Amino acid sequence: MATPPPPGRNPYGQPYAQQTAPPPPAPPQQGQNPYGQNPYGQNPYGQHPYGQGQPGQNPYGPPQGQGQQPFGYPQTGPQTAPDGGPACTFCGGFPAVQATVRGHQGFLIIMRFLKRRANYCRTCGIATHREMTTKTLWQGWWSIASFVITPITVLINLGPRGKFNKLPAPSGGFGPPMNPGKPIFLRGGAYVMLAPLLVLALIVAGVAMGGNDANSASAGDCVSKSGSDSDPTLKVVDCTSGSAAYRVVERHGGKHYRDACSNGDAEYDHSGRGGDYALCLTRVG
């Protein structure tokens, strides 16, 4: 019969190892990784493909070309030239001048007043003037007040355009200047202004033509006569004119049919546009 092993002895013949608790780890020092050193070296994934980045530097490189904004927006970088003068807001070229180019849009009952204030080199200034003025010439007529505001805006823009014309061609800068494109009157949009101007001219011509017809005649005026006796057309003319046929001796308001005049050689009765009235006429000469 086997004898049980004494306490502390391994039943398989070897003594138990002395088992003691491991000492607690030392607290990590300040700035030290508490998990120890990276076993794979400085960077487990190798070197950064774009090189060692500097503080504040984009690790992925410059955006879409040095000195350019993405999506085609104009760069608005430093606006001071090396000589201390202004540099162009849009391309950085110099010399430049500060100016405001204006535009106007009319929408029946509402209006918009546009302006673009910046530093302009010669090329960017001319490009902006052509763009804003052309848009004004075809967008600025479509409200009543715009008939006055639009030509004023176009005239105001001649001031900054004169400044741009005095500048030499730009140099330096962080990008190319704007493309000036075609002159204003070689652009189709500029000729849309002819439509409202034609309407205005017709209105003025109609008023002018209507201003010397029989509607405006009063006692003492002389009139010419054209057409038949049953449907005559009278126009006010100078009494010394060879076309003067009758002198107006009386004018009566209201509708009449050969019952208004007690004296004179003829009676002209009118009803319709210009009101209802009768003219008592006597022959000239």
Protein backbone atom coordinates (compact mmCIF):
# COMPACT_ATOMS: atom_id res chain seq x y z
CA MET A 1 0.00 0.00 0.00
CA ALA A 2 1.46 3.41 -1.16
CA THR A 3 2.32 6.02 1.38
CA PRO A 4 0.93 9.52 0.68
CA PRO A 5 3.57 12.12 -0.05
CA PRO A 6 4.39 14.51 2.71
CA PRO A 7 3.01 18.07 2.51
CA GLY A 8 4.89 20.30 0.09
CA ARG A 9 6.01 17.40 -2.02
CA ASN A 10 4.97 16.77 -5.64
CA PRO A 11 3.27 13.41 -5.91
CA TYR A 12 5.29 12.79 -9.05
CA GLY A 13 8.56 12.97 -7.31
CA GLN A 14 9.64 16.58 -7.69
CA PRO A 15 9.26 19.17 -5.00
CA TYR A 16 6.86 22.03 -5.60
CA ALA A 17 8.52 25.25 -6.71
CA GLN A 18 8.44 28.08 -4.28
CA GLN A 19 5.58 30.28 -5.49
CA THR A 20 5.86 33.99 -4.75
CA ALA A 21 3.89 36.95 -6.13
CA PRO A 22 5.79 39.01 -8.77
CA PRO A 23 6.76 42.53 -7.72
CA PRO A 24 4.36 45.33 -8.86
CA PRO A 25 5.49 47.19 -12.03
CA ALA A 26 7.09 50.57 -11.59
CA PRO A 27 4.86 53.53 -12.59
CA PRO A 28 5.74 54.96 -16.04
CA GLN A 29 7.73 58.12 -16.12
CA GLN A 30 6.25 61.30 -17.56
CA GLY A 31 6.13 61.23 -21.38
CA GLN A 32 6.85 57.46 -21.46
CA ASN A 33 4.53 54.99 -23.19
CA PRO A 34 3.00 52.90 -20.39
CA TYR A 35 2.84 49.93 -22.74
CA GLY A 36 6.50 49.88 -23.44
CA GLN A 37 8.50 50.52 -26.56
CA ASN A 38 7.01 49.76 -29.97
CA PRO A 39 8.57 46.41 -30.90
CA TYR A 40 8.39 47.32 -34.59
CA GLY A 41 10.54 50.42 -34.43
CA GLN A 42 9.66 54.05 -34.80
CA ASN A 43 6.70 53.62 -37.20
CA PRO A 44 5.10 50.16 -37.45
CA TYR A 45 3.91 51.00 -41.01
CA GLY A 46 7.14 52.43 -42.34
CA GLN A 47 7.97 55.98 -43.30
CA HIS A 48 5.21 58.48 -44.18
CA PRO A 49 4.85 58.40 -47.97
CA TYR A 50 4.88 62.24 -48.17
CA GLY A 51 7.98 62.70 -46.09
CA GLN A 52 8.48 64.06 -42.62
CA GLY A 53 5.78 66.68 -41.99
CA GLN A 54 6.53 69.88 -40.17
CA PRO A 55 4.30 71.21 -37.41
CA GLY A 56 1.26 72.87 -39.01
CA GLN A 57 2.05 71.36 -42.41
CA ASN A 58 -0.51 69.37 -44.39
CA PRO A 59 0.93 65.79 -44.44
CA TYR A 60 -0.85 65.15 -47.73
CA GLY A 61 0.87 67.89 -49.68
CA PRO A 62 -0.35 71.21 -51.13
CA PRO A 63 -3.94 71.46 -52.39
CA GLN A 64 -4.34 71.31 -56.19
CA GLY A 65 -1.29 73.33 -57.04
CA GLN A 66 0.67 75.75 -54.96
CA GLY A 67 -1.03 79.11 -54.38
CA GLN A 68 -4.43 78.13 -55.82
CA GLN A 69 -7.80 77.64 -54.22
CA PRO A 70 -9.70 74.42 -55.04
CA PHE A 71 -12.76 74.45 -57.32
CA GLY A 72 -11.55 77.46 -59.31
CA TYR A 73 -12.30 80.15 -56.73
CA PRO A 74 -10.01 83.17 -57.06
CA GLN A 75 -7.17 83.27 -54.60
CA THR A 76 -7.34 86.09 -52.09
CA GLY A 77 -3.84 85.96 -50.75
CA PRO A 78 -1.51 88.71 -49.59
CA GLN A 79 -2.64 92.03 -51.01
CA THR A 80 0.60 93.94 -50.58
CA ALA A 81 3.18 94.27 -53.33
CA PRO A 82 6.94 94.01 -52.60
CA ASP A 83 7.20 97.80 -52.78
CA GLY A 84 4.52 98.17 -50.08
CA GLY A 85 1.75 99.21 -52.46
CA PRO A 86 -1.48 97.29 -53.04
CA ALA A 87 -1.44 93.99 -54.90
CA CYS A 88 -4.31 92.55 -56.89
CA THR A 89 -6.81 90.64 -54.76
CA PHE A 90 -7.38 88.03 -57.46
CA CYS A 91 -3.94 87.29 -58.89
CA GLY A 92 -1.50 89.10 -56.59
CA GLY A 93 -0.09 91.12 -59.48
CA PHE A 94 1.07 94.70 -59.10
CA PRO A 95 0.76 97.59 -59.48
CA ALA A 96 -2.88 97.62 -58.43
CA VAL A 97 -5.49 100.14 -57.37
CA GLN A 98 -8.45 99.86 -55.02
CA ALA A 99 -11.79 100.38 -56.75
CA THR A 100 -15.48 99.38 -56.66
CA VAL A 101 -17.19 98.01 -59.75
CA ARG A 102 -21.00 98.07 -59.59
CA GLY A 103 -23.88 96.22 -61.20
CA HIS A 104 -27.65 96.38 -61.19
CA GLN A 105 -30.49 93.89 -61.70
CA GLY A 106 -34.17 94.73 -62.09
CA PHE A 107 -36.92 92.16 -61.47
CA LEU A 108 -40.29 93.83 -62.16
CA ILE A 109 -41.07 94.91 -58.59
CA ILE A 110 -37.72 94.29 -56.87
CA MET A 111 -34.13 95.31 -57.63
CA ARG A 112 -30.61 94.25 -56.65
CA PHE A 113 -27.63 96.54 -56.29
CA LEU A 114 -24.31 94.72 -56.77
CA LYS A 115 -20.77 95.84 -56.06
CA ARG A 116 -17.32 94.25 -56.02
CA ARG A 117 -14.77 96.23 -54.01
CA ALA A 118 -11.19 94.97 -54.18
CA ASN A 119 -7.64 95.71 -55.30
CA TYR A 120 -7.40 95.37 -59.07
CA CYS A 121 -4.49 95.08 -61.44
CA ARG A 122 -5.07 96.35 -64.97
CA THR A 123 -6.10 92.97 -66.40
CA CYS A 124 -8.36 91.83 -63.56
CA GLY A 125 -9.95 95.28 -63.37
CA ILE A 126 -10.84 95.36 -67.07
CA ALA A 127 -12.19 91.79 -66.86
CA THR A 128 -14.40 92.68 -63.89
CA HIS A 129 -15.65 95.90 -65.51
CA ARG A 130 -16.61 94.07 -68.70
CA GLU A 131 -18.39 91.30 -66.81
CA MET A 132 -20.37 93.53 -64.43
CA THR A 133 -21.30 96.12 -67.07
CA THR A 134 -22.42 93.53 -69.62
CA LYS A 135 -24.66 91.82 -67.07
CA THR A 136 -26.11 95.19 -66.08
CA LEU A 137 -26.91 96.01 -69.71
CA TRP A 138 -29.16 92.96 -70.09
CA GLN A 139 -30.35 92.36 -66.51
CA GLY A 140 -30.83 95.93 -65.33
CA TRP A 141 -33.88 97.13 -67.29
CA TRP A 142 -36.71 94.98 -66.01
CA SER A 143 -38.33 97.32 -63.46
CA ILE A 144 -39.63 100.85 -63.72
CA ALA A 145 -36.93 102.49 -61.59
CA SER A 146 -34.24 100.50 -63.40
CA PHE A 147 -34.74 102.61 -66.52
CA VAL A 148 -32.99 105.37 -64.56
CA ILE A 149 -30.67 103.32 -62.33
CA THR A 150 -29.13 101.19 -65.08
CA PRO A 151 -27.64 104.00 -67.18
CA ILE A 152 -26.41 105.69 -63.99
CA THR A 153 -24.66 102.45 -62.96
CA VAL A 154 -23.01 102.12 -66.37
CA LEU A 155 -21.76 105.71 -66.17
CA ILE A 156 -20.43 105.23 -62.61
CA ASN A 157 -18.40 102.23 -63.78
CA LEU A 158 -16.52 104.48 -66.19
CA GLY A 159 -14.67 105.94 -63.16
CA PRO A 160 -12.92 102.72 -62.05
CA ARG A 161 -12.43 101.71 -65.68
CA GLY A 162 -10.41 104.90 -66.19
CA LYS A 163 -8.21 103.93 -63.24
CA PHE A 164 -7.58 100.46 -64.69
CA ASN A 165 -6.64 101.88 -68.08
CA LYS A 166 -3.91 104.02 -66.50
CA LEU A 167 -2.14 101.02 -64.93
CA PRO A 168 0.68 99.17 -66.73
CA ALA A 169 0.47 95.44 -67.32
CA PRO A 170 0.72 93.50 -64.02
CA SER A 171 3.78 91.55 -62.93
CA GLY A 172 4.45 89.10 -60.13
CA GLY A 173 1.58 87.57 -58.24
CA PHE A 174 0.64 84.12 -57.05
CA GLY A 175 -1.49 83.22 -60.09
CA PRO A 176 -2.49 84.29 -63.60
CA PRO A 177 -4.80 87.32 -63.92
CA MET A 178 -8.41 87.01 -65.08
CA ASN A 179 -9.20 86.65 -68.75
CA PRO A 180 -10.70 89.98 -69.92
CA GLY A 181 -12.61 88.32 -72.75
CA LYS A 182 -14.31 90.27 -75.52
CA PRO A 183 -15.05 94.00 -75.27
CA ILE A 184 -18.51 94.86 -73.98
CA PHE A 185 -20.09 95.70 -77.32
CA LEU A 186 -18.79 92.50 -78.90
CA ARG A 187 -20.82 90.46 -76.42
CA GLY A 188 -24.37 89.48 -77.32
CA GLY A 189 -25.76 90.26 -73.87
CA ALA A 190 -24.96 93.95 -74.23
CA TYR A 191 -27.48 94.32 -77.06
CA VAL A 192 -30.43 93.07 -75.01
CA MET A 193 -30.60 96.67 -73.79
CA LEU A 194 -31.91 97.63 -77.25
CA ALA A 195 -35.27 96.00 -76.49
CA PRO A 196 -36.24 98.25 -73.55
CA LEU A 197 -34.67 101.26 -75.25
CA LEU A 198 -36.81 100.61 -78.35
CA VAL A 199 -39.94 100.44 -76.21
CA LEU A 200 -38.96 103.69 -74.51
CA ALA A 201 -38.33 105.33 -77.89
CA LEU A 202 -41.76 104.26 -79.15
CA ILE A 203 -43.41 105.68 -76.05
CA VAL A 204 -41.58 108.99 -76.44
CA ALA A 205 -42.39 109.11 -80.16
CA GLY A 206 -46.04 108.38 -79.45
CA VAL A 207 -46.21 111.15 -76.87
CA ALA A 208 -44.47 113.53 -79.23
CA MET A 209 -46.80 112.68 -82.10
CA GLY A 210 -49.83 112.86 -79.88
CA GLY A 211 -48.71 116.15 -78.43
CA ASN A 212 -49.44 118.10 -81.60
CA ASP A 213 -52.74 116.49 -82.63
CA ALA A 214 -56.15 118.05 -82.15
CA ASN A 215 -56.36 116.76 -78.57
CA SER A 216 -53.95 119.48 -77.49
CA ALA A 217 -55.51 122.30 -79.51
CA SER A 218 -56.94 125.30 -77.68
CA ALA A 219 -58.38 128.68 -78.70
CA GLY A 220 -55.86 130.67 -80.71
CA ASP A 221 -53.97 127.64 -82.08
CA CYS A 222 -53.76 126.90 -85.79
CA VAL A 223 -54.27 123.43 -87.23
CA SER A 224 -53.57 121.66 -90.49
CA LYS A 225 -56.12 119.36 -92.06
CA SER A 226 -55.65 116.06 -93.87
CA GLY A 227 -58.07 113.35 -94.83
CA SER A 228 -61.66 113.73 -95.99
CA ASP A 229 -64.23 116.17 -94.68
CA SER A 230 -66.16 113.32 -93.08
CA ASP A 231 -63.05 111.90 -91.33
CA PRO A 232 -60.47 114.71 -91.05
CA THR A 233 -57.17 114.58 -89.16
CA LEU A 234 -56.12 117.82 -87.48
CA LYS A 235 -52.66 118.66 -86.14
CA VAL A 236 -51.50 121.76 -84.35
CA VAL A 237 -49.04 123.77 -86.45
CA ASP A 238 -47.49 127.20 -86.37
CA CYS A 239 -49.89 129.85 -87.63
CA THR A 240 -47.20 131.17 -89.99
CA SER A 241 -46.78 127.73 -91.54
CA GLY A 242 -48.05 127.17 -95.06
CA SER A 243 -49.91 124.08 -93.81
CA ALA A 244 -52.05 126.09 -91.40
CA ALA A 245 -55.65 125.72 -92.63
CA TYR A 246 -57.81 126.75 -89.65
CA ARG A 247 -57.55 128.75 -86.46
CA VAL A 248 -59.33 127.50 -83.32
CA VAL A 249 -61.70 130.16 -82.00
CA GLU A 250 -63.48 128.07 -79.37
CA ARG A 251 -63.05 124.71 -77.59
CA HIS A 252 -65.97 122.98 -75.85
CA GLY A 253 -65.74 119.88 -73.68
CA GLY A 254 -68.19 116.97 -73.83
CA LYS A 255 -69.83 115.18 -76.71
CA HIS A 256 -71.20 117.35 -79.51
CA TYR A 257 -72.56 116.88 -83.00
CA ARG A 258 -72.52 120.13 -84.89
CA ASP A 259 -74.19 121.93 -82.03
CA ALA A 260 -71.27 123.45 -80.13
CA CYS A 261 -70.23 126.35 -82.32
CA SER A 262 -72.28 129.52 -82.75
CA ASN A 263 -69.67 131.11 -84.99
CA GLY A 264 -66.83 129.98 -87.22
CA ASP A 265 -66.51 128.29 -90.55
CA ALA A 266 -66.36 124.67 -89.37
CA GLU A 267 -66.82 122.46 -86.32
CA TYR A 268 -64.61 119.50 -85.41
CA ASP A 269 -66.25 116.98 -83.07
CA HIS A 270 -64.06 114.37 -81.36
CA SER A 271 -64.92 111.40 -79.15
CA GLY A 272 -62.56 108.70 -77.88
CA ARG A 273 -58.83 108.82 -77.09
CA GLY A 274 -57.99 112.22 -75.70
CA GLY A 275 -61.52 112.84 -74.42
CA ASP A 276 -64.73 114.26 -75.89
CA TYR A 277 -64.64 117.84 -77.19
CA ALA A 278 -65.53 120.13 -80.07
CA LEU A 279 -63.38 122.73 -81.85
CA CYS A 280 -64.85 125.77 -83.54
CA LEU A 281 -62.65 126.64 -86.53
CA THR A 282 -62.24 129.60 -88.83
CA ARG A 283 -60.23 129.52 -92.03
CA VAL A 284 -56.74 131.05 -92.08
CA GLY A 285 -56.07 133.70 -94.78
